[in-house]
Protein backbone atom coordinates (compact mmCIF):
# COMPACT_ATOMS: atom_id res chain seq x y z
CA MET A 1 -19.87 52.59 72.32
CA THR A 2 -20.81 55.45 70.18
CA VAL A 3 -22.77 56.05 66.89
CA THR A 4 -21.59 58.22 64.20
CA GLY A 5 -24.18 60.90 63.33
CA THR A 6 -27.62 61.42 64.74
CA GLY A 7 -29.02 57.79 63.56
CA ASN A 8 -32.41 59.08 62.49
CA ALA A 9 -33.91 56.93 60.02
CA PRO A 10 -35.73 58.32 56.95
CA ASP A 11 -38.93 56.85 56.12
CA VAL A 12 -37.50 54.78 52.98
CA VAL A 13 -34.05 53.95 51.77
CA ASP A 14 -33.67 52.19 48.56
CA VAL A 15 -30.90 49.72 49.81
CA VAL A 16 -29.37 49.18 53.23
CA ALA A 17 -26.01 47.05 53.03
CA LEU A 18 -24.83 45.33 56.19
CA GLY A 19 -21.17 44.11 56.44
CA GLU A 20 -17.60 44.60 57.21
CA SER A 21 -15.55 47.14 55.30
CA MET A 22 -11.85 47.37 55.50
CA VAL A 23 -9.06 49.79 54.64
CA THR A 24 -7.46 48.30 51.74
CA PHE A 25 -3.66 49.09 50.61
CA LEU A 26 -3.12 48.89 46.90
CA PRO A 27 0.36 48.46 45.77
CA SER A 28 2.28 51.28 43.96
CA ARG A 29 3.74 48.90 41.28
CA PRO A 30 3.51 45.10 40.32
CA GLY A 31 5.20 42.47 42.32
CA ARG A 32 5.17 40.59 45.60
CA LEU A 33 3.82 42.08 48.64
CA ALA A 34 7.54 41.41 49.94
CA ASP A 35 8.85 43.57 47.32
CA VAL A 36 6.48 46.50 46.88
CA PRO A 37 7.88 49.64 48.33
CA SER A 38 4.67 51.49 49.03
CA PHE A 39 0.93 51.36 48.96
CA HIS A 40 -2.00 53.57 48.30
CA ARG A 41 -4.72 53.77 50.82
CA GLY A 42 -8.27 52.66 49.52
CA ILE A 43 -11.58 50.90 50.95
CA GLY A 44 -13.04 47.76 50.42
CA GLY A 45 -16.02 45.55 51.62
CA ALA A 46 -18.38 43.68 49.61
CA GLU A 47 -21.67 45.44 50.94
CA SER A 48 -20.36 48.89 51.29
CA ASN A 49 -19.19 48.50 47.85
CA VAL A 50 -22.56 47.81 46.76
CA ALA A 51 -24.03 50.87 48.81
CA CYS A 52 -21.28 53.35 47.31
CA VAL A 53 -21.97 52.23 43.73
CA LEU A 54 -25.52 52.35 44.00
CA ALA A 55 -25.38 55.87 45.73
CA ALA A 56 -23.04 57.04 42.92
CA ALA A 57 -25.85 55.98 40.53
CA GLY A 58 -28.47 58.13 42.30
CA HIS A 59 -30.10 55.68 44.87
CA THR A 60 -30.45 56.37 48.45
CA THR A 61 -28.35 53.95 50.47
CA ARG A 62 -27.29 53.28 54.00
CA TRP A 63 -24.34 51.14 55.29
CA LEU A 64 -24.69 49.54 58.55
CA SER A 65 -21.44 48.15 60.25
CA ARG A 66 -19.08 48.29 63.17
CA VAL A 67 -15.71 49.89 63.00
CA GLY A 68 -12.91 50.88 65.44
CA ALA A 69 -12.63 54.11 67.22
CA ASP A 70 -9.42 54.74 65.31
CA GLY A 71 -8.18 56.42 62.37
CA PHE A 72 -8.94 53.83 59.90
CA GLY A 73 -12.39 53.79 61.34
CA ASP A 74 -12.68 57.35 60.58
CA HIS A 75 -11.36 57.09 57.17
CA LEU A 76 -14.04 54.17 56.33
CA VAL A 77 -16.97 56.35 57.57
CA GLU A 78 -15.71 59.48 55.84
CA THR A 79 -14.90 57.88 52.56
CA VAL A 80 -18.22 55.63 52.43
CA GLY A 81 -20.35 58.78 53.35
CA GLY A 82 -18.54 60.73 50.85
CA TYR A 83 -20.32 58.72 48.12
CA GLY A 84 -23.64 59.79 49.77
CA VAL A 85 -24.20 56.75 51.80
CA ASP A 86 -25.80 57.18 55.04
CA VAL A 87 -23.21 56.09 57.79
CA SER A 88 -25.26 57.55 60.84
CA HIS A 89 -25.72 54.12 62.09
CA VAL A 90 -22.23 52.80 62.02
CA ARG A 91 -21.07 51.88 65.46
CA ARG A 92 -17.73 52.88 66.75
CA ASP A 93 -15.92 50.24 68.99
CA PRO A 94 -13.24 51.64 71.21
CA ALA A 95 -11.93 48.23 72.27
CA ARG A 96 -11.63 46.68 68.83
CA PRO A 97 -9.62 47.94 65.67
CA THR A 98 -10.77 48.40 62.11
CA GLY A 99 -9.86 45.69 59.83
CA ILE A 100 -7.17 46.21 57.11
CA TYR A 101 -5.66 44.32 54.20
CA PHE A 102 -2.92 44.43 51.63
CA ARG A 103 -3.23 43.09 48.09
CA THR A 104 -0.90 42.76 45.29
CA ALA A 105 -1.87 44.25 41.62
CA GLY A 106 -2.44 40.90 39.95
CA ASP A 107 -5.63 39.19 38.99
CA ARG A 108 -6.87 37.55 42.15
CA SER A 109 -7.63 34.20 40.05
CA THR A 110 -3.71 33.89 39.51
CA ASP A 111 -1.24 32.21 41.61
CA ASP A 112 0.76 35.41 41.70
CA HIS A 113 -2.23 37.29 43.56
CA GLU A 114 -1.54 37.75 47.18
CA VAL A 115 -4.00 39.27 49.84
CA ALA A 116 -2.76 39.61 53.71
CA TYR A 117 -5.76 40.23 55.71
CA TYR A 118 -5.56 41.76 59.35
CA ARG A 119 -9.22 41.51 60.50
CA SER A 120 -9.29 38.85 63.34
CA GLY A 121 -10.89 40.51 66.27
CA SER A 122 -11.71 43.40 64.12
CA ALA A 123 -14.71 45.75 65.51
CA ALA A 124 -17.05 44.27 62.63
CA SER A 125 -16.59 40.73 63.88
CA ALA A 126 -18.40 41.87 67.02
CA MET A 127 -21.63 43.05 65.28
CA SER A 128 -24.92 41.88 66.86
CA LEU A 129 -28.34 42.82 66.35
CA ALA A 130 -28.27 45.15 69.34
CA ASP A 131 -26.09 47.52 67.34
CA PHE A 132 -28.88 48.67 65.12
CA HIS A 133 -32.22 50.13 65.64
CA PRO A 134 -34.91 48.21 63.75
CA ASP A 135 -35.74 51.23 61.72
CA ALA A 136 -32.32 51.45 60.35
CA VAL A 137 -32.95 48.05 58.69
CA GLY A 138 -36.75 48.13 58.34
CA ALA A 139 -36.92 51.46 56.30
CA ALA A 140 -35.10 49.26 53.25
CA ARG A 141 -36.76 48.33 49.93
CA ILE A 142 -33.65 45.92 49.72
CA LEU A 143 -31.51 44.74 52.36
CA HIS A 144 -28.06 43.54 50.80
CA LEU A 145 -26.28 40.86 52.68
CA SER A 146 -23.20 38.62 51.90
CA GLY A 147 -21.83 35.41 52.87
CA ILE A 148 -18.64 37.14 54.26
CA THR A 149 -20.51 38.44 57.17
CA PRO A 150 -21.58 35.23 58.77
CA ALA A 151 -18.24 33.76 58.51
CA LEU A 152 -16.63 36.54 60.84
CA SER A 153 -18.09 35.27 64.19
CA GLU A 154 -20.81 33.32 65.89
CA GLY A 155 -22.51 36.59 66.72
CA CYS A 156 -22.25 37.75 63.10
CA LEU A 157 -23.93 34.52 61.94
CA ALA A 158 -26.74 34.92 64.69
CA LEU A 159 -27.19 38.40 63.17
CA ILE A 160 -27.66 37.28 59.60
CA ARG A 161 -29.82 34.46 60.66
CA GLU A 162 -31.94 36.81 62.46
CA LEU A 163 -32.20 39.37 59.63
CA THR A 164 -33.16 36.72 56.99
CA ALA A 165 -35.58 35.09 59.19
CA PRO A 166 -39.19 34.79 57.81
CA ARG A 167 -41.39 37.51 59.17
CA PRO A 168 -44.16 39.80 57.86
CA GLY A 169 -42.99 43.05 56.25
CA ARG A 170 -39.35 42.00 55.95
CA PRO A 171 -37.42 43.79 53.28
CA LEU A 172 -36.62 42.16 49.97
CA ILE A 173 -33.32 40.27 50.72
CA SER A 174 -30.49 40.43 48.26
CA PHE A 175 -27.72 37.79 49.07
CA ASP A 176 -24.36 37.61 47.49
CA VAL A 177 -22.81 34.15 48.61
CA ASN A 178 -19.35 35.32 48.42
CA HIS A 179 -17.69 32.27 49.37
CA ARG A 180 -14.47 32.71 51.23
CA PRO A 181 -13.33 29.34 52.12
CA ARG A 182 -10.34 30.70 54.52
CA LEU A 183 -12.81 32.57 56.68
CA TRP A 184 -14.73 29.48 57.67
CA ARG A 185 -12.68 27.51 60.24
CA ASP A 186 -15.04 24.72 61.03
CA GLY A 187 -15.90 23.52 57.46
CA HIS A 188 -19.60 24.27 57.87
CA GLY A 189 -19.45 27.11 55.59
CA PRO A 190 -21.00 25.63 52.51
CA ASP A 191 -24.15 24.60 54.45
CA ILE A 192 -24.68 27.74 56.32
CA LEU A 193 -24.43 29.55 53.04
CA LEU A 194 -27.00 27.40 51.34
CA GLU A 195 -29.17 27.56 54.27
CA LEU A 196 -28.98 31.56 54.00
CA ALA A 197 -29.46 31.94 50.49
CA ARG A 198 -32.60 29.58 50.53
CA ARG A 199 -33.90 32.37 52.78
CA ALA A 200 -33.42 35.18 50.40
CA ASP A 201 -35.21 36.79 47.67
CA ILE A 202 -32.58 37.54 45.03
CA VAL A 203 -29.24 35.54 45.08
CA PHE A 204 -25.90 36.15 43.53
CA VAL A 205 -23.57 33.33 42.96
CA GLY A 206 -20.57 32.70 40.70
CA GLU A 207 -20.82 29.10 39.27
CA ASP A 208 -17.12 28.65 40.14
CA GLU A 209 -17.91 29.23 43.92
CA ALA A 210 -21.23 27.27 43.56
CA GLU A 211 -19.24 24.40 42.37
CA GLU A 212 -16.47 24.96 44.98
CA ALA A 213 -18.92 25.10 47.76
CA TRP A 214 -21.60 22.88 46.92
CA GLY A 215 -20.37 20.90 44.07
CA LEU A 216 -23.18 22.32 41.90
CA THR A 217 -23.00 23.72 38.26
CA GLY A 218 -25.77 24.65 35.81
CA GLU A 219 -29.29 24.27 36.31
CA HIS A 220 -28.51 22.16 39.55
CA ILE A 221 -27.70 25.56 41.37
CA ARG A 222 -31.43 26.68 40.86
CA GLU A 223 -32.62 23.25 41.81
CA ALA A 224 -30.72 23.58 45.21
CA LEU A 225 -32.33 27.12 45.79
CA PRO A 226 -35.99 26.59 44.97
CA GLU A 227 -37.31 29.56 47.34
CA PRO A 228 -35.31 32.46 46.07
CA ASP A 229 -37.41 34.53 43.33
CA LEU A 230 -34.30 34.86 41.41
CA VAL A 231 -30.98 33.19 41.20
CA VAL A 232 -28.38 35.25 39.35
CA VAL A 233 -25.63 32.95 38.31
CA LYS A 234 -22.15 34.77 37.21
CA ARG A 235 -20.07 32.66 34.61
CA GLY A 236 -17.16 35.07 34.34
CA ALA A 237 -16.36 35.28 30.60
CA ARG A 238 -19.33 33.62 29.59
CA GLY A 239 -21.59 36.23 30.91
CA ALA A 240 -24.57 35.64 33.57
CA VAL A 241 -27.90 33.95 33.66
CA ALA A 242 -31.17 34.97 35.75
CA LEU A 243 -32.96 31.93 36.76
CA PRO A 244 -36.50 33.11 38.00
CA THR A 245 -38.56 31.12 40.44
CA TYR A 246 -39.87 27.70 40.16
CA ARG A 247 -43.24 28.63 41.24
CA GLY A 248 -44.30 30.09 37.96
CA GLN A 249 -44.91 33.61 39.31
CA SER A 250 -42.23 35.90 40.84
CA CYS A 251 -43.20 38.02 43.78
CA LEU A 252 -40.62 40.80 42.63
CA PRO A 253 -43.33 43.06 41.21
CA GLN A 254 -45.24 42.84 44.37
CA CYS A 255 -42.30 43.23 46.53
CA LEU A 256 -41.30 46.39 45.03
CA LYS A 257 -44.87 47.75 44.96
CA GLY A 258 -46.10 50.52 47.17
CA LEU A 259 -45.07 54.09 46.20
CA GLY A 260 -46.88 54.38 42.93
CA GLY A 261 -45.81 53.62 39.12
CA ALA A 262 -46.86 51.00 36.93
CA PRO A 263 -44.54 47.66 36.73
CA THR A 264 -42.27 47.90 33.67
CA GLY A 265 -41.09 44.77 32.01
CA ASP A 266 -40.77 41.83 34.23
CA GLY A 267 -39.58 44.00 37.20
CA GLY A 268 -41.55 46.00 39.58
CA PRO A 269 -41.89 49.73 39.97
CA PRO A 270 -39.52 51.90 42.22
CA ALA A 271 -41.14 51.50 45.73
CA ARG A 272 -40.92 50.44 49.08
CA ALA A 273 -40.23 46.57 49.53
CA LYS A 274 -42.92 44.42 51.04
CA SER A 275 -41.06 41.07 50.77
CA ARG A 276 -42.02 37.69 50.46
CA VAL A 277 -40.40 35.69 52.98
CA GLY A 278 -39.40 32.14 53.08
CA GLU A 279 -41.64 30.23 50.60
CA GLY A 280 -43.87 32.92 49.01
CA GLY A 281 -44.02 35.08 51.83
CA ARG A 282 -47.04 33.54 53.28
CA ASP A 283 -45.89 31.38 56.16
CA GLY A 284 -42.26 31.22 55.85
CA THR A 285 -42.26 27.50 55.43
CA PRO A 286 -39.31 26.46 53.02
CA GLN A 287 -40.10 24.37 49.86
CA ALA A 288 -37.69 21.07 49.71
CA PRO A 289 -35.98 21.08 46.29
CA GLY A 290 -37.78 17.92 45.40
CA ARG A 291 -41.13 19.96 45.33
CA ALA A 292 -39.94 22.54 42.79
CA THR A 293 -42.46 23.03 39.80
CA THR A 294 -41.58 23.58 35.95
CA PRO A 295 -38.94 26.45 36.00
CA ARG A 296 -39.60 29.94 34.02
CA PRO A 297 -37.30 30.23 31.29
CA ALA A 298 -33.87 31.68 32.23
CA THR A 299 -32.63 34.85 30.89
CA THR A 300 -29.05 35.22 29.78
CA ALA A 301 -26.60 38.13 28.95
CA PRO A 302 -23.17 37.59 27.28
CA ALA A 303 -20.15 39.28 29.12
CA LEU A 304 -18.51 42.37 27.55
CA LYS A 305 -15.00 42.52 26.12
CA VAL A 306 -13.01 44.40 28.76
CA ASP A 307 -9.32 45.38 29.16
CA VAL A 308 -9.02 44.30 32.85
CA VAL A 309 -6.96 46.40 34.98
CA ALA A 310 -8.06 44.48 38.28
CA THR A 311 -10.91 42.07 39.18
CA THR A 312 -11.32 43.10 42.88
CA GLY A 313 -14.92 44.60 43.34
CA ALA A 314 -16.35 43.57 40.11
CA GLY A 315 -18.82 41.00 41.43
CA ASP A 316 -19.95 43.79 43.89
CA ALA A 317 -20.36 46.32 41.05
CA PHE A 318 -22.28 43.76 39.29
CA ALA A 319 -24.79 43.16 42.07
CA ALA A 320 -25.11 47.05 42.26
CA GLY A 321 -25.84 47.41 38.75
CA PHE A 322 -28.26 44.47 38.72
CA LEU A 323 -30.12 45.82 41.99
CA SER A 324 -30.16 49.54 40.38
CA ALA A 325 -32.09 48.36 37.36
CA THR A 326 -34.34 45.92 39.71
CA LEU A 327 -35.14 49.16 41.71
CA ARG A 328 -36.13 50.66 38.34
CA GLY A 329 -38.10 47.79 37.24
CA LEU A 330 -36.17 47.10 34.16
CA PRO A 331 -36.59 43.58 32.48
CA LEU A 332 -34.27 40.94 33.13
CA ARG A 333 -31.94 41.13 30.37
CA ALA A 334 -31.42 44.88 31.03
CA ARG A 335 -30.82 43.99 34.72
CA LEU A 336 -27.90 41.64 33.74
CA ARG A 337 -26.53 44.10 31.09
CA HIS A 338 -26.50 46.70 33.66
CA GLY A 339 -24.59 44.71 36.12
CA HIS A 340 -22.15 43.84 33.31
CA LEU A 341 -21.71 47.48 32.67
CA THR A 342 -21.11 48.56 36.22
CA ALA A 343 -18.71 45.58 36.68
CA ALA A 344 -16.92 46.74 33.67
CA ALA A 345 -16.30 50.18 35.24
CA THR A 346 -14.64 48.38 38.38
CA LEU A 347 -12.63 46.08 36.22
CA THR A 348 -11.22 48.99 34.07
CA ALA A 349 -10.09 50.78 37.41
CA PRO A 350 -7.28 49.89 39.96
CA GLY A 351 -9.34 49.81 43.20
CA ASP A 352 -12.13 48.18 44.61
CA LEU A 353 -14.52 50.96 43.77
CA ALA A 354 -15.08 53.04 40.50
CA PRO A 355 -17.82 55.38 39.33
CA PRO A 356 -20.37 53.70 37.60
CA PRO A 357 -21.41 54.84 34.15
CA SER A 358 -24.09 57.49 33.89
CA ARG A 359 -27.66 56.34 33.77
CA ALA A 360 -28.23 57.70 30.48
CA LEU A 361 -25.09 56.09 29.06
CA ALA A 362 -25.71 52.69 30.67
CA ASP A 363 -29.34 52.90 29.45
CA ARG A 364 -28.08 53.50 25.88
CA LEU A 365 -25.62 50.48 25.90
CA ALA A 366 -27.92 48.11 27.56
CA ALA A 367 -30.32 48.92 24.97
CA LEU A 368 -27.92 47.76 22.10
CA ASP A 369 -28.78 44.79 19.79
CA ASP A 370 -27.05 41.63 20.44
CA THR A 371 -24.55 42.15 17.37
CA ALA A 372 -23.62 45.67 18.71
CA TRP A 373 -23.40 44.54 22.47
CA GLY A 374 -20.92 41.69 21.23
CA ARG A 375 -18.90 44.38 19.55
CA LEU A 376 -18.47 46.49 22.67
CA ARG A 377 -14.82 46.59 23.95
CA LEU A 378 -14.28 48.70 27.10
CA GLY A 379 -10.92 49.95 28.27
CA PRO A 380 -9.75 52.19 31.24
CA GLY A 381 -11.49 55.52 31.36
CA TRP A 382 -14.53 54.24 29.31
CA THR A 383 -17.36 55.84 31.41
CA ASP A 384 -15.72 59.38 31.02
CA THR A 385 -14.59 58.91 27.36
CA LEU A 386 -18.18 57.62 26.17
CA SER A 387 -19.93 60.56 28.24
CA ARG A 388 -17.93 63.26 26.75
CA ALA A 389 -18.54 61.72 23.38
CA GLU A 390 -22.24 61.85 24.22
CA GLN A 391 -22.16 65.23 25.29
CA GLU A 392 -20.21 66.58 22.39
CA ALA A 393 -22.66 64.82 20.13
CA ARG A 394 -25.48 66.79 21.68
CA THR A 395 -23.83 70.21 21.78
CA PRO A 396 -24.95 72.14 18.90
């Protein structure tokens, strides 16, 4: 077993993301996998996608994973690192391969969409806590995880349970449910995902996947998750809603306090996370759903009108945009809008990853009034087009 790079952890990293990434093969034209004559190579992985987008947006990020000591592993490490992500703690496995997958060009929600995964027995499925130095995780302001990793193996489940266990000084945990029924072989997936989500500080979940996994919609999703400071429910074309803590006072400002700067809006200053763990971060004791108090008001943000090219990776981009705005201490509505804008960049590109809009452009669009926001329509290349237009407007 080898480690890429030196593995020397800096004092603080904005976001550490842990999970499997795979080499993805995108079709050269629409059609069934059986009919596509050639594919273009890319990369894809829920957690590494978040790390790459955040790095492109100017944040310090680290990706923790395990890949094969093969050419595909080389490509993953080099490509993720090329975004500015720290990959020095990625483990190389000489006995297990890097996972790969092929997909068609259509929308993943349609019956015509096909995905063929070759990840069984992959290097990432053998991840364990022993793979990573405590400083590699402990330096994080936010530790981003997803529900895909615990489905890969019993060892991966044990790793995620350990990382989300209540303990003093734990980084703020961001957890994207990412329910993938085909990955869970024993039928316990929904229960495990609920357990892990209840240990997190910020939870991202699609309303459709909450209904599929737990039979819950609307406010009942929050009722089942009383512990997290914030539950963000993605509702597709209907936008997204942020549901703050039921306890009457979010810990997020305190969780992101420590490196100076005054809190902004309802968020925290850009600083090292000192997270609440479990219920309120005091003793780690979970609160039963029946003990929830009056919820704080929800914040909603309508979805943007987008000329969709492909949907894969859009949820990861939304999480990255939201976390970026959270690290900057922006108000909840702005966080949701930044999530939508970053997702729109990916929705209008063919691969799993797309460069996010510049911070200046995203801030300007996120600050639009409701009428102007509702009139926005974004198509392929919009991040470059609008950025160039703004640059030209500023040029004398």
